[in-house]
Amino acid sequence: QEAAQLDPNLPEPHAALADIYISKGKNAEALAAANQYLKLRPEDQ
């Protein structure tokens, strides 16, 4: 989360957060993180 705040254009933290949130059952947070990753890196579906 800190990395994502320091550089909002860095995609990797959002992908990692998506995996962590889904594993914890935080589905809304996981979906938001996944959407943000796809927004920053749409070529890596």
PDB file of all heavy atoms in Angstrom:
ATOM      1  N   GLN A   1       0.834  -1.206   0.000  1.00  0.00           N
ATOM      2  CA  GLN A   1       0.000   0.000   0.000  1.00  0.00           C
ATOM      3  C   GLN A   1       0.867   1.254   0.000  1.00  0.00           C
ATOM      4  O   GLN A   1       0.572   2.236  -0.697  1.00  0.00           O
ATOM      5  CB  GLN A   1      -0.914  -0.007   1.226  1.00  0.00           C
ATOM      6  CG  GLN A   1      -2.028  -1.038   1.164  1.00  0.00           C
ATOM      7  CD  GLN A   1      -2.763  -1.193   2.466  1.00  0.00           C
ATOM      8  OE1 GLN A   1      -2.318  -0.723   3.510  1.00  0.00           O
ATOM      9  NE2 GLN A   1      -3.898  -1.868   2.433  1.00  0.00           N
ATOM     10  N   GLU A   2       1.943   1.234   0.780  1.00  0.00           N
ATOM     11  CA  GLU A   2       2.866   2.376   0.817  1.00  0.00           C
ATOM     12  C   GLU A   2       3.487   2.616  -0.552  1.00  0.00           C
ATOM     13  O   GLU A   2       3.586   3.753  -1.021  1.00  0.00           O
ATOM     14  CB  GLU A   2       3.954   2.117   1.858  1.00  0.00           C
ATOM     15  CG  GLU A   2       4.963   3.252   1.990  1.00  0.00           C
ATOM     16  CD  GLU A   2       6.069   2.943   2.973  1.00  0.00           C
ATOM     17  OE1 GLU A   2       5.877   2.062   3.842  1.00  0.00           O
ATOM     18  OE2 GLU A   2       7.149   3.575   2.876  1.00  0.00           O
ATOM     19  N   ALA A   3       3.899   1.541  -1.205  1.00  0.00           N
ATOM     20  CA  ALA A   3       4.503   1.665  -2.541  1.00  0.00           C
ATOM     21  C   ALA A   3       3.510   2.253  -3.527  1.00  0.00           C
ATOM     22  O   ALA A   3       3.862   3.111  -4.349  1.00  0.00           O
ATOM     23  CB  ALA A   3       4.976   0.294  -3.018  1.00  0.00           C
ATOM     24  N   ALA A   4       2.250   1.820  -3.439  1.00  0.00           N
ATOM     25  CA  ALA A   4       1.220   2.330  -4.351  1.00  0.00           C
ATOM     26  C   ALA A   4       0.958   3.817  -4.126  1.00  0.00           C
ATOM     27  O   ALA A   4       0.682   4.566  -5.067  1.00  0.00           O
ATOM     28  CB  ALA A   4      -0.072   1.538  -4.173  1.00  0.00           C
ATOM     29  N   GLN A   5       1.057   4.260  -2.882  1.00  0.00           N
ATOM     30  CA  GLN A   5       0.850   5.679  -2.580  1.00  0.00           C
ATOM     31  C   GLN A   5       2.037   6.523  -3.035  1.00  0.00           C
ATOM     32  O   GLN A   5       1.866   7.639  -3.527  1.00  0.00           O
ATOM     33  CB  GLN A   5       0.614   5.858  -1.071  1.00  0.00           C
ATOM     34  CG  GLN A   5      -0.715   5.292  -0.603  1.00  0.00           C
ATOM     35  CD  GLN A   5      -0.846   5.271   0.904  1.00  0.00           C
ATOM     36  OE1 GLN A   5       0.114   5.563   1.630  1.00  0.00           O
ATOM     37  NE2 GLN A   5      -2.020   4.932   1.404  1.00  0.00           N
ATOM     38  N   LEU A   6       3.244   5.993  -2.869  1.00  0.00           N
ATOM     39  CA  LEU A   6       4.445   6.740  -3.262  1.00  0.00           C
ATOM     40  C   LEU A   6       4.534   6.929  -4.774  1.00  0.00           C
ATOM     41  O   LEU A   6       4.997   7.963  -5.249  1.00  0.00           O
ATOM     42  CB  LEU A   6       5.696   6.021  -2.746  1.00  0.00           C
ATOM     43  CG  LEU A   6       5.947   6.109  -1.241  1.00  0.00           C
ATOM     44  CD1 LEU A   6       7.017   5.116  -0.817  1.00  0.00           C
ATOM     45  CD2 LEU A   6       6.340   7.525  -0.843  1.00  0.00           C
ATOM     46  N   ASP A   7       4.107   5.927  -5.498  1.00  0.00           N
ATOM     47  CA  ASP A   7       4.116   6.022  -6.963  1.00  0.00           C
ATOM     48  C   ASP A   7       2.806   5.453  -7.501  1.00  0.00           C
ATOM     49  O   ASP A   7       2.698   4.247  -7.751  1.00  0.00           O
ATOM     50  CB  ASP A   7       5.305   5.263  -7.554  1.00  0.00           C
ATOM     51  CG  ASP A   7       5.379   5.419  -9.081  1.00  0.00           C
ATOM     52  OD1 ASP A   7       4.569   6.205  -9.627  1.00  0.00           O
ATOM     53  OD2 ASP A   7       6.227   4.766  -9.707  1.00  0.00           O
ATOM     54  N   PRO A   8       1.793   6.311  -7.683  1.00  0.00           N
ATOM     55  CA  PRO A   8       0.484   5.836  -8.144  1.00  0.00           C
ATOM     56  C   PRO A   8       0.523   5.180  -9.521  1.00  0.00           C
ATOM     57  O   PRO A   8      -0.444   4.515  -9.899  1.00  0.00           O
ATOM     58  CB  PRO A   8      -0.365   7.116  -8.167  1.00  0.00           C
ATOM     59  CG  PRO A   8       0.339   8.072  -7.256  1.00  0.00           C
ATOM     60  CD  PRO A   8       1.790   7.751  -7.391  1.00  0.00           C
ATOM     61  N   ASN A   9       1.611   5.379 -10.272  1.00  0.00           N
ATOM     62  CA  ASN A   9       1.705   4.804 -11.611  1.00  0.00           C
ATOM     63  C   ASN A   9       2.430   3.464 -11.636  1.00  0.00           C
ATOM     64  O   ASN A   9       2.671   2.911 -12.710  1.00  0.00           O
ATOM     65  CB  ASN A   9       2.417   5.782 -12.549  1.00  0.00           C
ATOM     66  CG  ASN A   9       1.612   7.056 -12.766  1.00  0.00           C
ATOM     67  OD1 ASN A   9       0.400   7.006 -12.927  1.00  0.00           O
ATOM     68  ND2 ASN A   9       2.284   8.194 -12.761  1.00  0.00           N
ATOM     69  N   LEU A  10       2.784   2.952 -10.463  1.00  0.00           N
ATOM     70  CA  LEU A  10       3.481   1.667 -10.393  1.00  0.00           C
ATOM     71  C   LEU A  10       2.440   0.548 -10.305  1.00  0.00           C
ATOM     72  O   LEU A  10       1.710   0.449  -9.315  1.00  0.00           O
ATOM     73  CB  LEU A  10       4.406   1.643  -9.175  1.00  0.00           C
ATOM     74  CG  LEU A  10       5.358   0.465  -9.058  1.00  0.00           C
ATOM     75  CD1 LEU A  10       6.364   0.471 -10.208  1.00  0.00           C
ATOM     76  CD2 LEU A  10       6.098   0.509  -7.720  1.00  0.00           C
ATOM     77  N   PRO A  11       2.341  -0.329 -11.319  1.00  0.00           N
ATOM     78  CA  PRO A  11       1.262  -1.327 -11.337  1.00  0.00           C
ATOM     79  C   PRO A  11       1.452  -2.473 -10.334  1.00  0.00           C
ATOM     80  O   PRO A  11       0.473  -2.978  -9.776  1.00  0.00           O
ATOM     81  CB  PRO A  11       1.294  -1.864 -12.773  1.00  0.00           C
ATOM     82  CG  PRO A  11       2.190  -0.955 -13.544  1.00  0.00           C
ATOM     83  CD  PRO A  11       3.129  -0.352 -12.552  1.00  0.00           C
ATOM     84  N   GLU A  12       2.700  -2.919 -10.137  1.00  0.00           N
ATOM     85  CA  GLU A  12       2.962  -4.155  -9.401  1.00  0.00           C
ATOM     86  C   GLU A  12       2.343  -4.223  -8.006  1.00  0.00           C
ATOM     87  O   GLU A  12       1.809  -5.279  -7.617  1.00  0.00           O
ATOM     88  CB  GLU A  12       4.480  -4.397  -9.309  1.00  0.00           C
ATOM     89  CG  GLU A  12       5.115  -4.851 -10.609  1.00  0.00           C
ATOM     90  CD  GLU A  12       5.337  -3.713 -11.589  1.00  0.00           C
ATOM     91  OE1 GLU A  12       5.103  -2.548 -11.211  1.00  0.00           O
ATOM     92  OE2 GLU A  12       5.755  -3.985 -12.731  1.00  0.00           O
ATOM     93  N   PRO A  13       2.392  -3.145  -7.208  1.00  0.00           N
ATOM     94  CA  PRO A  13       1.790  -3.249  -5.872  1.00  0.00           C
ATOM     95  C   PRO A  13       0.301  -3.588  -5.915  1.00  0.00           C
ATOM     96  O   PRO A  13      -0.205  -4.314  -5.047  1.00  0.00           O
ATOM     97  CB  PRO A  13       2.019  -1.853  -5.270  1.00  0.00           C
ATOM     98  CG  PRO A  13       3.166  -1.294  -6.012  1.00  0.00           C
ATOM     99  CD  PRO A  13       3.055  -1.850  -7.391  1.00  0.00           C
ATOM    100  N   HIS A  14      -0.411  -3.096  -6.931  1.00  0.00           N
ATOM    101  CA  HIS A  14      -1.850  -3.352  -7.022  1.00  0.00           C
ATOM    102  C   HIS A  14      -2.117  -4.828  -7.317  1.00  0.00           C
ATOM    103  O   HIS A  14      -3.069  -5.413  -6.778  1.00  0.00           O
ATOM    104  CB  HIS A  14      -2.464  -2.462  -8.090  1.00  0.00           C
ATOM    105  CG  HIS A  14      -2.334  -1.001  -7.803  1.00  0.00           C
ATOM    106  ND1 HIS A  14      -3.089  -0.358  -6.845  1.00  0.00           N
ATOM    107  CD2 HIS A  14      -1.509  -0.059  -8.329  1.00  0.00           C
ATOM    108  CE1 HIS A  14      -2.753   0.917  -6.797  1.00  0.00           C
ATOM    109  NE2 HIS A  14      -1.795   1.124  -7.687  1.00  0.00           N
ATOM    110  N   ALA A  15      -1.289  -5.434  -8.156  1.00  0.00           N
ATOM    111  CA  ALA A  15      -1.455  -6.859  -8.446  1.00  0.00           C
ATOM    112  C   ALA A  15      -1.209  -7.691  -7.196  1.00  0.00           C
ATOM    113  O   ALA A  15      -1.959  -8.637  -6.900  1.00  0.00           O
ATOM    114  CB  ALA A  15      -0.498  -7.274  -9.557  1.00  0.00           C
ATOM    115  N   ALA A  16      -0.171  -7.334  -6.441  1.00  0.00           N
ATOM    116  CA  ALA A  16       0.136  -8.063  -5.213  1.00  0.00           C
ATOM    117  C   ALA A  16      -0.985  -7.900  -4.195  1.00  0.00           C
ATOM    118  O   ALA A  16      -1.380  -8.863  -3.519  1.00  0.00           O
ATOM    119  CB  ALA A  16       1.462  -7.568  -4.637  1.00  0.00           C
ATOM    120  N   LEU A  17      -1.498  -6.695  -4.081  1.00  0.00           N
ATOM    121  CA  LEU A  17      -2.596  -6.451  -3.141  1.00  0.00           C
ATOM    122  C   LEU A  17      -3.857  -7.210  -3.548  1.00  0.00           C
ATOM    123  O   LEU A  17      -4.591  -7.707  -2.688  1.00  0.00           O
ATOM    124  CB  LEU A  17      -2.888  -4.947  -3.074  1.00  0.00           C
ATOM    125  CG  LEU A  17      -1.874  -4.114  -2.283  1.00  0.00           C
ATOM    126  CD1 LEU A  17      -2.122  -2.622  -2.493  1.00  0.00           C
ATOM    127  CD2 LEU A  17      -1.945  -4.449  -0.795  1.00  0.00           C
ATOM    128  N   ALA A  18      -4.104  -7.311  -4.848  1.00  0.00           N
ATOM    129  CA  ALA A  18      -5.268  -8.063  -5.321  1.00  0.00           C
ATOM    130  C   ALA A  18      -5.187  -9.515  -4.843  1.00  0.00           C
ATOM    131  O   ALA A  18      -6.175 -10.091  -4.363  1.00  0.00           O
ATOM    132  CB  ALA A  18      -5.356  -7.993  -6.833  1.00  0.00           C
ATOM    133  N   ASP A  19      -4.006 -10.126  -4.956  1.00  0.00           N
ATOM    134  CA  ASP A  19      -3.819 -11.514  -4.511  1.00  0.00           C
ATOM    135  C   ASP A  19      -4.015 -11.649  -3.001  1.00  0.00           C
ATOM    136  O   ASP A  19      -4.646 -12.607  -2.527  1.00  0.00           O
ATOM    137  CB  ASP A  19      -2.423 -11.993  -4.897  1.00  0.00           C
ATOM    138  CG  ASP A  19      -2.275 -12.204  -6.400  1.00  0.00           C
ATOM    139  OD1 ASP A  19      -3.299 -12.442  -7.067  1.00  0.00           O
ATOM    140  OD2 ASP A  19      -1.141 -12.107  -6.904  1.00  0.00           O
ATOM    141  N   ILE A  20      -3.446 -10.685  -2.247  1.00  0.00           N
ATOM    142  CA  ILE A  20      -3.559 -10.757  -0.786  1.00  0.00           C
ATOM    143  C   ILE A  20      -5.010 -10.588  -0.349  1.00  0.00           C
ATOM    144  O   ILE A  20      -5.528 -11.346   0.496  1.00  0.00           O
ATOM    145  CB  ILE A  20      -2.662  -9.681  -0.132  1.00  0.00           C
ATOM    146  CG1 ILE A  20      -1.187 -10.043  -0.322  1.00  0.00           C
ATOM    147  CG2 ILE A  20      -2.982  -9.549   1.353  1.00  0.00           C
ATOM    148  CD1 ILE A  20      -0.223  -8.977   0.165  1.00  0.00           C
ATOM    149  N   TYR A  21      -5.692  -9.614  -0.926  1.00  0.00           N
ATOM    150  CA  TYR A  21      -7.081  -9.346  -0.519  1.00  0.00           C
ATOM    151  C   TYR A  21      -8.001 -10.519  -0.840  1.00  0.00           C
ATOM    152  O   TYR A  21      -8.863 -10.879  -0.037  1.00  0.00           O
ATOM    153  CB  TYR A  21      -7.584  -8.089  -1.206  1.00  0.00           C
ATOM    154  CG  TYR A  21      -6.988  -6.802  -0.692  1.00  0.00           C
ATOM    155  CD1 TYR A  21      -6.703  -5.736  -1.561  1.00  0.00           C
ATOM    156  CD2 TYR A  21      -6.686  -6.635   0.655  1.00  0.00           C
ATOM    157  CE1 TYR A  21      -6.152  -4.552  -1.094  1.00  0.00           C
ATOM    158  CE2 TYR A  21      -6.135  -5.458   1.129  1.00  0.00           C
ATOM    159  CZ  TYR A  21      -5.865  -4.413   0.247  1.00  0.00           C
ATOM    160  OH  TYR A  21      -5.317  -3.242   0.700  1.00  0.00           O
ATOM    161  N   ILE A  22      -7.839 -11.118  -2.011  1.00  0.00           N
ATOM    162  CA  ILE A  22      -8.720 -12.234  -2.366  1.00  0.00           C
ATOM    163  C   ILE A  22      -8.480 -13.414  -1.441  1.00  0.00           C
ATOM    164  O   ILE A  22      -9.406 -14.165  -1.098  1.00  0.00           O
ATOM    165  CB  ILE A  22      -8.550 -12.633  -3.854  1.00  0.00           C
ATOM    166  CG1 ILE A  22      -9.791 -13.418  -4.331  1.00  0.00           C
ATOM    167  CG2 ILE A  22      -7.295 -13.424  -4.072  1.00  0.00           C
ATOM    168  CD1 ILE A  22     -11.023 -12.572  -4.449  1.00  0.00           C
ATOM    169  N   SER A  23      -7.218 -13.600  -1.016  1.00  0.00           N
ATOM    170  CA  SER A  23      -6.906 -14.706  -0.105  1.00  0.00           C
ATOM    171  C   SER A  23      -7.505 -14.480   1.272  1.00  0.00           C
ATOM    172  O   SER A  23      -7.755 -15.434   2.017  1.00  0.00           O
ATOM    173  CB  SER A  23      -5.387 -14.881   0.014  1.00  0.00           C
ATOM    174  OG  SER A  23      -4.802 -13.787   0.716  1.00  0.00           O
ATOM    175  N   LYS A  24      -7.744 -13.233   1.637  1.00  0.00           N
ATOM    176  CA  LYS A  24      -8.327 -12.896   2.934  1.00  0.00           C
ATOM    177  C   LYS A  24      -9.837 -12.698   2.860  1.00  0.00           C
ATOM    178  O   LYS A  24     -10.464 -12.338   3.859  1.00  0.00           O
ATOM    179  CB  LYS A  24      -7.669 -11.622   3.482  1.00  0.00           C
ATOM    180  CG  LYS A  24      -6.245 -11.822   3.969  1.00  0.00           C
ATOM    181  CD  LYS A  24      -5.674 -10.513   4.480  1.00  0.00           C
ATOM    182  CE  LYS A  24      -4.398 -10.768   5.271  1.00  0.00           C
ATOM    183  NZ  LYS A  24      -4.639 -11.459   6.547  1.00  0.00           N
ATOM    184  N   GLY A  25     -10.401 -12.916   1.680  1.00  0.00           N
ATOM    185  CA  GLY A  25     -11.840 -12.753   1.540  1.00  0.00           C
ATOM    186  C   GLY A  25     -12.294 -11.313   1.471  1.00  0.00           C
ATOM    187  O   GLY A  25     -13.491 -11.025   1.596  1.00  0.00           O
ATOM    188  N   LYS A  26     -11.357 -10.378   1.229  1.00  0.00           N
ATOM    189  CA  LYS A  26     -11.704  -8.963   1.081  1.00  0.00           C
ATOM    190  C   LYS A  26     -11.984  -8.700  -0.398  1.00  0.00           C
ATOM    191  O   LYS A  26     -11.157  -8.172  -1.136  1.00  0.00           O
ATOM    192  CB  LYS A  26     -10.564  -8.077   1.590  1.00  0.00           C
ATOM    193  CG  LYS A  26     -10.295  -8.217   3.083  1.00  0.00           C
ATOM    194  CD  LYS A  26      -9.189  -7.267   3.533  1.00  0.00           C
ATOM    195  CE  LYS A  26      -8.964  -7.338   5.031  1.00  0.00           C
ATOM    196  NZ  LYS A  26      -7.903  -6.406   5.484  1.00  0.00           N
ATOM    197  N   ASN A  27     -13.172  -9.116  -0.811  1.00  0.00           N
ATOM    198  CA  ASN A  27     -13.474  -9.142  -2.237  1.00  0.00           C
ATOM    199  C   ASN A  27     -13.565  -7.756  -2.860  1.00  0.00           C
ATOM    200  O   ASN A  27     -13.116  -7.549  -3.988  1.00  0.00           O
ATOM    201  CB  ASN A  27     -14.776  -9.913  -2.460  1.00  0.00           C
ATOM    202  CG  ASN A  27     -14.657 -11.354  -2.020  1.00  0.00           C
ATOM    203  OD1 ASN A  27     -13.805 -12.093  -2.497  1.00  0.00           O
ATOM    204  ND2 ASN A  27     -15.497 -11.767  -1.077  1.00  0.00           N
ATOM    205  N   ALA A  28     -14.154  -6.796  -2.152  1.00  0.00           N
ATOM    206  CA  ALA A  28     -14.266  -5.439  -2.708  1.00  0.00           C
ATOM    207  C   ALA A  28     -12.889  -4.830  -2.913  1.00  0.00           C
ATOM    208  O   ALA A  28     -12.614  -4.212  -3.958  1.00  0.00           O
ATOM    209  CB  ALA A  28     -15.107  -4.565  -1.775  1.00  0.00           C
ATOM    210  N   GLU A  29     -11.999  -5.006  -1.920  1.00  0.00           N
ATOM    211  CA  GLU A  29     -10.649  -4.465  -2.036  1.00  0.00           C
ATOM    212  C   GLU A  29      -9.873  -5.181  -3.138  1.00  0.00           C
ATOM    213  O   GLU A  29      -9.104  -4.562  -3.888  1.00  0.00           O
ATOM    214  CB  GLU A  29      -9.906  -4.608  -0.710  1.00  0.00           C
ATOM    215  CG  GLU A  29     -10.433  -3.724   0.411  1.00  0.00           C
ATOM    216  CD  GLU A  29     -11.562  -4.377   1.191  1.00  0.00           C
ATOM    217  OE1 GLU A  29     -12.163  -5.348   0.659  1.00  0.00           O
ATOM    218  OE2 GLU A  29     -11.859  -3.918   2.297  1.00  0.00           O
ATOM    219  N   ALA A  30     -10.081  -6.495  -3.251  1.00  0.00           N
ATOM    220  CA  ALA A  30      -9.389  -7.263  -4.289  1.00  0.00           C
ATOM    221  C   ALA A  30      -9.823  -6.804  -5.676  1.00  0.00           C
ATOM    222  O   ALA A  30      -8.988  -6.649  -6.582  1.00  0.00           O
ATOM    223  CB  ALA A  30      -9.674  -8.750  -4.110  1.00  0.00           C
ATOM    224  N   LEU A  31     -11.140  -6.588  -5.859  1.00  0.00           N
ATOM    225  CA  LEU A  31     -11.639  -6.148  -7.162  1.00  0.00           C
ATOM    226  C   LEU A  31     -11.093  -4.766  -7.509  1.00  0.00           C
ATOM    227  O   LEU A  31     -10.691  -4.517  -8.654  1.00  0.00           O
ATOM    228  CB  LEU A  31     -13.169  -6.123  -7.153  1.00  0.00           C
ATOM    229  CG  LEU A  31     -13.849  -5.730  -8.470  1.00  0.00           C
ATOM    230  CD1 LEU A  31     -13.444  -6.672  -9.595  1.00  0.00           C
ATOM    231  CD2 LEU A  31     -15.361  -5.715  -8.301  1.00  0.00           C
ATOM    232  N   ALA A  32     -11.046  -3.859  -6.515  1.00  0.00           N
ATOM    233  CA  ALA A  32     -10.532  -2.505  -6.757  1.00  0.00           C
ATOM    234  C   ALA A  32      -9.052  -2.553  -7.140  1.00  0.00           C
ATOM    235  O   ALA A  32      -8.606  -1.849  -8.061  1.00  0.00           O
ATOM    236  CB  ALA A  32     -10.728  -1.639  -5.520  1.00  0.00           C
ATOM    237  N   ALA A  33      -8.273  -3.391  -6.449  1.00  0.00           N
ATOM    238  CA  ALA A  33      -6.842  -3.497  -6.753  1.00  0.00           C
ATOM    239  C   ALA A  33      -6.626  -4.091  -8.142  1.00  0.00           C
ATOM    240  O   ALA A  33      -5.756  -3.642  -8.908  1.00  0.00           O
ATOM    241  CB  ALA A  33      -6.149  -4.339  -5.692  1.00  0.00           C
ATOM    242  N   ALA A  34      -7.416  -5.105  -8.489  1.00  0.00           N
ATOM    243  CA  ALA A  34      -7.289  -5.713  -9.815  1.00  0.00           C
ATOM    244  C   ALA A  34      -7.646  -4.721 -10.911  1.00  0.00           C
ATOM    245  O   ALA A  34      -6.963  -4.639 -11.946  1.00  0.00           O
ATOM    246  CB  ALA A  34      -8.188  -6.948  -9.905  1.00  0.00           C
ATOM    247  N   ASN A  35      -8.716  -3.964 -10.697  1.00  0.00           N
ATOM    248  CA  ASN A  35      -9.121  -2.961 -11.689  1.00  0.00           C
ATOM    249  C   ASN A  35      -8.044  -1.896 -11.874  1.00  0.00           C
ATOM    250  O   ASN A  35      -7.783  -1.439 -12.998  1.00  0.00           O
ATOM    251  CB  ASN A  35     -10.435  -2.310 -11.278  1.00  0.00           C
ATOM    252  CG  ASN A  35     -11.624  -3.237 -11.462  1.00  0.00           C
ATOM    253  OD1 ASN A  35     -11.557  -4.201 -12.227  1.00  0.00           O
ATOM    254  ND2 ASN A  35     -12.713  -2.968 -10.762  1.00  0.00           N
ATOM    255  N   GLN A  36      -7.415  -1.489 -10.770  1.00  0.00           N
ATOM    256  CA  GLN A  36      -6.370  -0.469 -10.852  1.00  0.00           C
ATOM    257  C   GLN A  36      -5.160  -1.001 -11.609  1.00  0.00           C
ATOM    258  O   GLN A  36      -4.536  -0.283 -12.408  1.00  0.00           O
ATOM    259  CB  GLN A  36      -5.959  -0.015  -9.447  1.00  0.00           C
ATOM    260  CG  GLN A  36      -4.945   1.122  -9.419  1.00  0.00           C
ATOM    261  CD  GLN A  36      -5.463   2.396 -10.058  1.00  0.00           C
ATOM    262  OE1 GLN A  36      -6.675   2.610 -10.153  1.00  0.00           O
ATOM    263  NE2 GLN A  36      -4.577   3.264 -10.497  1.00  0.00           N
ATOM    264  N   TYR A  37      -4.826  -2.274 -11.379  1.00  0.00           N
ATOM    265  CA  TYR A  37      -3.702  -2.870 -12.107  1.00  0.00           C
ATOM    266  C   TYR A  37      -3.996  -2.890 -13.603  1.00  0.00           C
ATOM    267  O   TYR A  37      -3.134  -2.548 -14.424  1.00  0.00           O
ATOM    268  CB  TYR A  37      -3.436  -4.280 -11.597  1.00  0.00           C
ATOM    269  CG  TYR A  37      -2.303  -4.967 -12.350  1.00  0.00           C
ATOM    270  CD1 TYR A  37      -0.983  -4.725 -12.014  1.00  0.00           C
ATOM    271  CD2 TYR A  37      -2.569  -5.829 -13.414  1.00  0.00           C
ATOM    272  CE1 TYR A  37       0.058  -5.328 -12.712  1.00  0.00           C
ATOM    273  CE2 TYR A  37      -1.536  -6.430 -14.117  1.00  0.00           C
ATOM    274  CZ  TYR A  37      -0.223  -6.174 -13.762  1.00  0.00           C
ATOM    275  OH  TYR A  37       0.801  -6.759 -14.460  1.00  0.00           O
ATOM    276  N   LEU A  38      -5.212  -3.315 -13.972  1.00  0.00           N
ATOM    277  CA  LEU A  38      -5.571  -3.381 -15.386  1.00  0.00           C
ATOM    278  C   LEU A  38      -5.601  -1.998 -16.021  1.00  0.00           C
ATOM    279  O   LEU A  38      -5.302  -1.844 -17.210  1.00  0.00           O
ATOM    280  CB  LEU A  38      -6.930  -4.062 -15.547  1.00  0.00           C
ATOM    281  CG  LEU A  38      -6.946  -5.564 -15.250  1.00  0.00           C
ATOM    282  CD1 LEU A  38      -8.363  -6.103 -15.310  1.00  0.00           C
ATOM    283  CD2 LEU A  38      -6.050  -6.320 -16.230  1.00  0.00           C
ATOM    284  N   LYS A  39      -5.949  -1.000 -15.226  1.00  0.00           N
ATOM    285  CA  LYS A  39      -5.938   0.374 -15.733  1.00  0.00           C
ATOM    286  C   LYS A  39      -4.523   0.825 -16.057  1.00  0.00           C
ATOM    287  O   LYS A  39      -4.275   1.504 -17.067  1.00  0.00           O
ATOM    288  CB  LYS A  39      -6.567   1.304 -14.698  1.00  0.00           C
ATOM    289  CG  LYS A  39      -6.611   2.768 -15.111  1.00  0.00           C
ATOM    290  CD  LYS A  39      -7.240   3.613 -14.014  1.00  0.00           C
ATOM    291  CE  LYS A  39      -7.230   5.100 -14.395  1.00  0.00           C
ATOM    292  NZ  LYS A  39      -7.812   5.944 -13.303  1.00  0.00           N
ATOM    293  N   LEU A  40      -3.575   0.444 -15.206  1.00  0.00           N
ATOM    294  CA  LEU A  40      -2.180   0.851 -15.395  1.00  0.00           C
ATOM    295  C   LEU A  40      -1.455  -0.025 -16.405  1.00  0.00           C
ATOM    296  O   LEU A  40      -0.526   0.432 -17.077  1.00  0.00           O
ATOM    297  CB  LEU A  40      -1.446   0.823 -14.053  1.00  0.00           C
ATOM    298  CG  LEU A  40      -1.917   1.840 -12.999  1.00  0.00           C
ATOM    299  CD1 LEU A  40      -1.263   1.537 -11.655  1.00  0.00           C
ATOM    300  CD2 LEU A  40      -1.590   3.253 -13.438  1.00  0.00           C
ATOM    301  N   ARG A  41      -1.863  -1.300 -16.494  1.00  0.00           N
ATOM    302  CA  ARG A  41      -1.186  -2.212 -17.409  1.00  0.00           C
ATOM    303  C   ARG A  41      -2.224  -3.075 -18.138  1.00  0.00           C
ATOM    304  O   ARG A  41      -2.352  -4.282 -17.888  1.00  0.00           O
ATOM    305  CB  ARG A  41      -0.191  -3.082 -16.644  1.00  0.00           C
ATOM    306  CG  ARG A  41       0.688  -3.939 -17.532  1.00  0.00           C
ATOM    307  CD  ARG A  41       1.848  -4.506 -16.748  1.00  0.00           C
ATOM    308  NE  ARG A  41       2.852  -3.490 -16.467  1.00  0.00           N
ATOM    309  CZ  ARG A  41       3.886  -3.658 -15.644  1.00  0.00           C
ATOM    310  NH1 ARG A  41       4.034  -4.798 -15.003  1.00  0.00           N
ATOM    311  NH2 ARG A  41       4.754  -2.682 -15.438  1.00  0.00           N
ATOM    312  N   PRO A  42      -2.961  -2.485 -19.048  1.00  0.00           N
ATOM    313  CA  PRO A  42      -4.040  -3.213 -19.732  1.00  0.00           C
ATOM    314  C   PRO A  42      -3.544  -4.338 -20.626  1.00  0.00           C
ATOM    315  O   PRO A  42      -4.305  -5.248 -20.952  1.00  0.00           O
ATOM    316  CB  PRO A  42      -4.732  -2.115 -20.552  1.00  0.00           C
ATOM    317  CG  PRO A  42      -3.706  -1.036 -20.716  1.00  0.00           C
ATOM    318  CD  PRO A  42      -2.896  -1.068 -19.472  1.00  0.00           C
ATOM    319  N   GLU A  43      -2.283  -4.299 -21.016  1.00  0.00           N
ATOM    320  CA  GLU A  43      -1.766  -5.345 -21.911  1.00  0.00           C
ATOM    321  C   GLU A  43      -1.496  -6.654 -21.170  1.00  0.00           C
ATOM    322  O   GLU A  43      -1.270  -7.700 -21.801  1.00  0.00           O
ATOM    323  CB  GLU A  43      -0.482  -4.854 -22.596  1.00  0.00           C
ATOM    324  CG  GLU A  43       0.750  -4.753 -21.713  1.00  0.00           C
ATOM    325  CD  GLU A  43       0.808  -3.486 -20.868  1.00  0.00           C
ATOM    326  OE1 GLU A  43      -0.163  -2.703 -20.915  1.00  0.00           O
ATOM    327  OE2 GLU A  43       1.830  -3.276 -20.181  1.00  0.00           O
ATOM    328  N   ASP A  44      -1.513  -6.618 -19.827  1.00  0.00           N
ATOM    329  CA  ASP A  44      -1.222  -7.818 -19.047  1.00  0.00           C
ATOM    330  C   ASP A  44      -2.506  -8.299 -18.356  1.00  0.00           C
ATOM    331  O   ASP A  44      -2.630  -8.262 -17.140  1.00  0.00           O
ATOM    332  CB  ASP A  44      -0.129  -7.518 -18.018  1.00  0.00           C
ATOM    333  CG  ASP A  44       0.331  -8.773 -17.290  1.00  0.00           C
ATOM    334  OD1 ASP A  44       0.065  -9.879 -17.799  1.00  0.00           O
ATOM    335  OD2 ASP A  44       0.933  -8.645 -16.213  1.00  0.00           O
ATOM    336  N   GLN A  45      -3.472  -8.742 -19.150  1.00  0.00           N
ATOM    337  CA  GLN A  45      -4.770  -9.151 -18.623  1.00  0.00           C
ATOM    338  C   GLN A  45      -4.664 -10.338 -17.664  1.00  0.00           C
ATOM    339  O   GLN A  45      -5.303 -10.355 -16.612  1.00  0.00           O
ATOM    340  CB  GLN A  45      -5.690  -9.528 -19.788  1.00  0.00           C
ATOM    341  CG  GLN A  45      -6.065  -8.362 -20.682  1.00  0.00           C
ATOM    342  CD  GLN A  45      -7.207  -7.550 -20.109  1.00  0.00           C
ATOM    343  OE1 GLN A  45      -8.149  -8.090 -19.564  1.00  0.00           O
ATOM    344  NE2 GLN A  45      -7.097  -6.239 -20.230  1.00  0.00           N
TER     345      GLN A  45
END
